[in-house]
Amino acid sequence: MEDLQEFAHHVFASQPFSRHMGAELVEAEPGLAVIRLAVRDEIKQQHGFVHGGAVSYLADNAITFAGGLSLGGNALTSEFKINYLRPAVGSHLIARAHTKSMGKRQAVCQCDIFVVNGESEKLCAIALGTVVAAS
């Protein structure tokens, strides 16, 4: 388990886009990934909400880590959908992804994205994606 966690944190740290976004891999193990993103003006859209692209980035990356670690290592997203439930207004976002089904080469994962304001968490989006083992 420790080797996969180290692997996950190494991969995450080597992602230029994740560094650019300021995201943090909070937890990673086979079938589970949690990523945190602080809300900043640079990731908001014109109405003051977090841009849907930032929310979908979190979901996609969390899904890929949860599914990829279930598959034993490197993985790529093969498909992905997201439902936005409410505007993301708060101090930060938390994406929690879980593997729902797994085969030899692919895993289907769900990610719940929460907006956090003080002690309160509100579900703002739900995503579903399929991850395939990288060759």
C-alpha atoms as a PDB file:
ATOM      1  CA  MET A   1       0.000   0.000   0.000  1.00  0.00           C
ATOM      2  CA  GLU A   2       2.781   2.438   0.907  1.00  0.00           C
ATOM      3  CA  ASP A   3       4.390   1.958  -2.501  1.00  0.00           C
ATOM      4  CA  LEU A   4       1.132   2.810  -4.311  1.00  0.00           C
ATOM      5  CA  GLN A   5       0.612   5.887  -2.124  1.00  0.00           C
ATOM      6  CA  GLU A   6       4.150   7.063  -2.838  1.00  0.00           C
ATOM      7  CA  PHE A   7       3.590   6.367  -6.528  1.00  0.00           C
ATOM      8  CA  ALA A   8       0.324   8.354  -6.483  1.00  0.00           C
ATOM      9  CA  HIS A   9       1.893  11.348  -4.759  1.00  0.00           C
ATOM     10  CA  HIS A  10       4.870  11.250  -7.145  1.00  0.00           C
ATOM     11  CA  VAL A  11       2.584  11.156 -10.199  1.00  0.00           C
ATOM     12  CA  PHE A  12       0.413  13.955  -8.827  1.00  0.00           C
ATOM     13  CA  ALA A  13       3.440  16.138  -8.063  1.00  0.00           C
ATOM     14  CA  SER A  14       4.706  15.595 -11.622  1.00  0.00           C
ATOM     15  CA  GLN A  15       1.487  16.935 -13.226  1.00  0.00           C
ATOM     16  CA  PRO A  16       2.176  20.504 -14.404  1.00  0.00           C
ATOM     17  CA  PHE A  17      -1.544  21.314 -14.643  1.00  0.00           C
ATOM     18  CA  SER A  18      -2.246  20.153 -11.081  1.00  0.00           C
ATOM     19  CA  ARG A  19       0.619  22.333  -9.856  1.00  0.00           C
ATOM     20  CA  HIS A  20      -0.737  25.247 -11.894  1.00  0.00           C
ATOM     21  CA  MET A  21      -4.188  24.771 -10.344  1.00  0.00           C
ATOM     22  CA  GLY A  22      -2.726  24.527  -6.839  1.00  0.00           C
ATOM     23  CA  ALA A  23      -4.471  21.209  -6.165  1.00  0.00           C
ATOM     24  CA  GLU A  24      -3.461  18.892  -3.329  1.00  0.00           C
ATOM     25  CA  LEU A  25      -3.727  15.100  -3.319  1.00  0.00           C
ATOM     26  CA  VAL A  26      -5.073  14.519   0.192  1.00  0.00           C
ATOM     27  CA  GLU A  27      -5.630  10.765   0.068  1.00  0.00           C
ATOM     28  CA  ALA A  28      -4.930   8.039  -2.476  1.00  0.00           C
ATOM     29  CA  GLU A  29      -5.326   4.289  -2.297  1.00  0.00           C
ATOM     30  CA  PRO A  30      -6.798   1.615  -4.557  1.00  0.00           C
ATOM     31  CA  GLY A  31     -10.419   2.571  -5.127  1.00  0.00           C
ATOM     32  CA  LEU A  32     -10.248   5.955  -3.385  1.00  0.00           C
ATOM     33  CA  ALA A  33      -8.818   9.392  -4.122  1.00  0.00           C
ATOM     34  CA  VAL A  34      -9.403  12.743  -2.437  1.00  0.00           C
ATOM     35  CA  ILE A  35      -8.185  15.990  -4.008  1.00  0.00           C
ATOM     36  CA  ARG A  36      -8.506  19.476  -2.514  1.00  0.00           C
ATOM     37  CA  LEU A  37      -8.491  22.775  -4.389  1.00  0.00           C
ATOM     38  CA  ALA A  38      -8.495  26.219  -2.770  1.00  0.00           C
ATOM     39  CA  VAL A  39     -10.910  28.667  -4.388  1.00  0.00           C
ATOM     40  CA  ARG A  40      -9.114  31.670  -5.885  1.00  0.00           C
ATOM     41  CA  ASP A  41     -10.258  34.428  -8.212  1.00  0.00           C
ATOM     42  CA  GLU A  42      -8.284  32.857 -11.083  1.00  0.00           C
ATOM     43  CA  ILE A  43     -10.544  29.784 -11.157  1.00  0.00           C
ATOM     44  CA  LYS A  44     -13.868  31.661 -10.983  1.00  0.00           C
ATOM     45  CA  GLN A  45     -16.154  32.557 -13.851  1.00  0.00           C
ATOM     46  CA  GLN A  46     -17.921  35.874 -14.456  1.00  0.00           C
ATOM     47  CA  HIS A  47     -20.668  35.270 -11.852  1.00  0.00           C
ATOM     48  CA  GLY A  48     -18.187  34.596  -9.046  1.00  0.00           C
ATOM     49  CA  PHE A  49     -18.646  30.807  -8.972  1.00  0.00           C
ATOM     50  CA  VAL A  50     -15.837  28.326  -9.501  1.00  0.00           C
ATOM     51  CA  HIS A  51     -15.607  27.692 -13.249  1.00  0.00           C
ATOM     52  CA  GLY A  52     -17.049  24.368 -14.399  1.00  0.00           C
ATOM     53  CA  GLY A  53     -13.715  23.510 -15.998  1.00  0.00           C
ATOM     54  CA  ALA A  54     -11.990  23.660 -12.605  1.00  0.00           C
ATOM     55  CA  VAL A  55     -14.691  21.465 -11.059  1.00  0.00           C
ATOM     56  CA  SER A  56     -14.428  18.941 -13.899  1.00  0.00           C
ATOM     57  CA  TYR A  57     -10.611  18.913 -13.642  1.00  0.00           C
ATOM     58  CA  LEU A  58     -10.938  17.863  -9.987  1.00  0.00           C
ATOM     59  CA  ALA A  59     -13.432  15.131 -10.823  1.00  0.00           C
ATOM     60  CA  ASP A  60     -11.417  13.797 -13.765  1.00  0.00           C
ATOM     61  CA  ASN A  61      -8.170  13.658 -11.812  1.00  0.00           C
ATOM     62  CA  ALA A  62      -9.739  12.089  -8.710  1.00  0.00           C
ATOM     63  CA  ILE A  63     -11.507   9.471 -10.852  1.00  0.00           C
ATOM     64  CA  THR A  64      -8.259   8.636 -12.642  1.00  0.00           C
ATOM     65  CA  PHE A  65      -6.344   8.215  -9.377  1.00  0.00           C
ATOM     66  CA  ALA A  66      -9.046   6.075  -7.714  1.00  0.00           C
ATOM     67  CA  GLY A  67      -9.433   3.858 -10.781  1.00  0.00           C
ATOM     68  CA  GLY A  68      -5.765   3.827 -11.715  1.00  0.00           C
ATOM     69  CA  LEU A  69      -4.675   2.689  -8.273  1.00  0.00           C
ATOM     70  CA  SER A  70      -7.389   0.007  -8.375  1.00  0.00           C
ATOM     71  CA  LEU A  71      -5.786  -1.195 -11.602  1.00  0.00           C
ATOM     72  CA  GLY A  72      -2.350  -1.177  -9.992  1.00  0.00           C
ATOM     73  CA  GLY A  73      -0.737   1.937 -11.432  1.00  0.00           C
ATOM     74  CA  ASN A  74      -0.823   4.222 -14.447  1.00  0.00           C
ATOM     75  CA  ALA A  75      -4.199   4.854 -16.039  1.00  0.00           C
ATOM     76  CA  LEU A  76      -5.964   7.204 -18.430  1.00  0.00           C
ATOM     77  CA  THR A  77      -9.535   8.476 -18.569  1.00  0.00           C
ATOM     78  CA  SER A  78     -11.430   6.942 -21.490  1.00  0.00           C
ATOM     79  CA  GLU A  79     -14.758   8.696 -20.847  1.00  0.00           C
ATOM     80  CA  PHE A  80     -16.234  11.075 -18.326  1.00  0.00           C
ATOM     81  CA  LYS A  81     -19.478  12.921 -17.558  1.00  0.00           C
ATOM     82  CA  ILE A  82     -20.374  15.453 -14.904  1.00  0.00           C
ATOM     83  CA  ASN A  83     -23.590  16.834 -13.465  1.00  0.00           C
ATOM     84  CA  TYR A  84     -23.341  20.279 -11.883  1.00  0.00           C
ATOM     85  CA  LEU A  85     -25.815  20.467  -9.002  1.00  0.00           C
ATOM     86  CA  ARG A  86     -25.230  23.951  -7.569  1.00  0.00           C
ATOM     87  CA  PRO A  87     -22.826  26.849  -7.991  1.00  0.00           C
ATOM     88  CA  ALA A  88     -19.511  26.273  -6.239  1.00  0.00           C
ATOM     89  CA  VAL A  89     -19.129  29.189  -3.833  1.00  0.00           C
ATOM     90  CA  GLY A  90     -16.886  28.645  -0.816  1.00  0.00           C
ATOM     91  CA  SER A  91     -13.312  28.522   0.427  1.00  0.00           C
ATOM     92  CA  HIS A  92     -12.275  25.288  -1.280  1.00  0.00           C
ATOM     93  CA  LEU A  93     -13.463  22.216  -3.160  1.00  0.00           C
ATOM     94  CA  ILE A  94     -13.017  18.585  -2.169  1.00  0.00           C
ATOM     95  CA  ALA A  95     -13.312  15.796  -4.750  1.00  0.00           C
ATOM     96  CA  ARG A  96     -13.871  12.281  -3.382  1.00  0.00           C
ATOM     97  CA  ALA A  97     -13.707   9.497  -5.961  1.00  0.00           C
ATOM     98  CA  HIS A  98     -14.504   5.811  -5.434  1.00  0.00           C
ATOM     99  CA  THR A  99     -14.160   2.843  -7.752  1.00  0.00           C
ATOM    100  CA  LYS A 100     -17.611   1.359  -8.365  1.00  0.00           C
ATOM    101  CA  SER A 101     -16.692  -1.511 -10.716  1.00  0.00           C
ATOM    102  CA  MET A 102     -13.408  -2.927 -11.931  1.00  0.00           C
ATOM    103  CA  GLY A 103     -12.256  -5.379 -14.557  1.00  0.00           C
ATOM    104  CA  LYS A 104      -8.799  -6.405 -15.739  1.00  0.00           C
ATOM    105  CA  ARG A 105      -8.177  -3.286 -17.848  1.00  0.00           C
ATOM    106  CA  GLN A 106     -10.781  -0.729 -16.820  1.00  0.00           C
ATOM    107  CA  ALA A 107     -12.491   0.722 -13.777  1.00  0.00           C
ATOM    108  CA  VAL A 108     -15.688   2.748 -13.485  1.00  0.00           C
ATOM    109  CA  CYS A 109     -15.532   5.418 -10.797  1.00  0.00           C
ATOM    110  CA  GLN A 110     -17.833   7.993  -9.269  1.00  0.00           C
ATOM    111  CA  CYS A 111     -16.676  11.313  -7.876  1.00  0.00           C
ATOM    112  CA  ASP A 112     -18.617  13.607  -5.560  1.00  0.00           C
ATOM    113  CA  ILE A 113     -17.366  17.183  -5.511  1.00  0.00           C
ATOM    114  CA  PHE A 114     -18.147  19.289  -2.462  1.00  0.00           C
ATOM    115  CA  VAL A 115     -17.810  23.012  -1.933  1.00  0.00           C
ATOM    116  CA  VAL A 116     -16.657  23.835   1.599  1.00  0.00           C
ATOM    117  CA  ASN A 117     -17.635  26.955   3.478  1.00  0.00           C
ATOM    118  CA  GLY A 118     -16.459  26.982   7.093  1.00  0.00           C
ATOM    119  CA  GLU A 119     -17.541  23.665   8.623  1.00  0.00           C
ATOM    120  CA  SER A 120     -20.227  23.107   5.988  1.00  0.00           C
ATOM    121  CA  GLU A 121     -19.815  20.866   2.922  1.00  0.00           C
ATOM    122  CA  LYS A 122     -22.358  20.969   0.099  1.00  0.00           C
ATOM    123  CA  LEU A 123     -22.427  18.605  -2.840  1.00  0.00           C
ATOM    124  CA  CYS A 124     -21.975  20.740  -5.963  1.00  0.00           C
ATOM    125  CA  ALA A 125     -21.300  18.119  -8.663  1.00  0.00           C
ATOM    126  CA  ILE A 126     -21.328  14.380  -9.343  1.00  0.00           C
ATOM    127  CA  ALA A 127     -19.157  12.795 -12.018  1.00  0.00           C
ATOM    128  CA  LEU A 128     -18.872   9.301 -13.459  1.00  0.00           C
ATOM    129  CA  GLY A 129     -15.924   8.117 -15.489  1.00  0.00           C
ATOM    130  CA  THR A 130     -14.194   5.103 -16.965  1.00  0.00           C
ATOM    131  CA  VAL A 131     -10.458   4.675 -16.516  1.00  0.00           C
ATOM    132  CA  VAL A 132      -8.272   2.297 -18.530  1.00  0.00           C
ATOM    133  CA  ALA A 133      -4.871   0.892 -17.643  1.00  0.00           C
ATOM    134  CA  ALA A 134      -2.111   2.694 -19.538  1.00  0.00           C
ATOM    135  CA  SER A 135      -0.004   0.423 -21.715  1.00  0.00           C
END
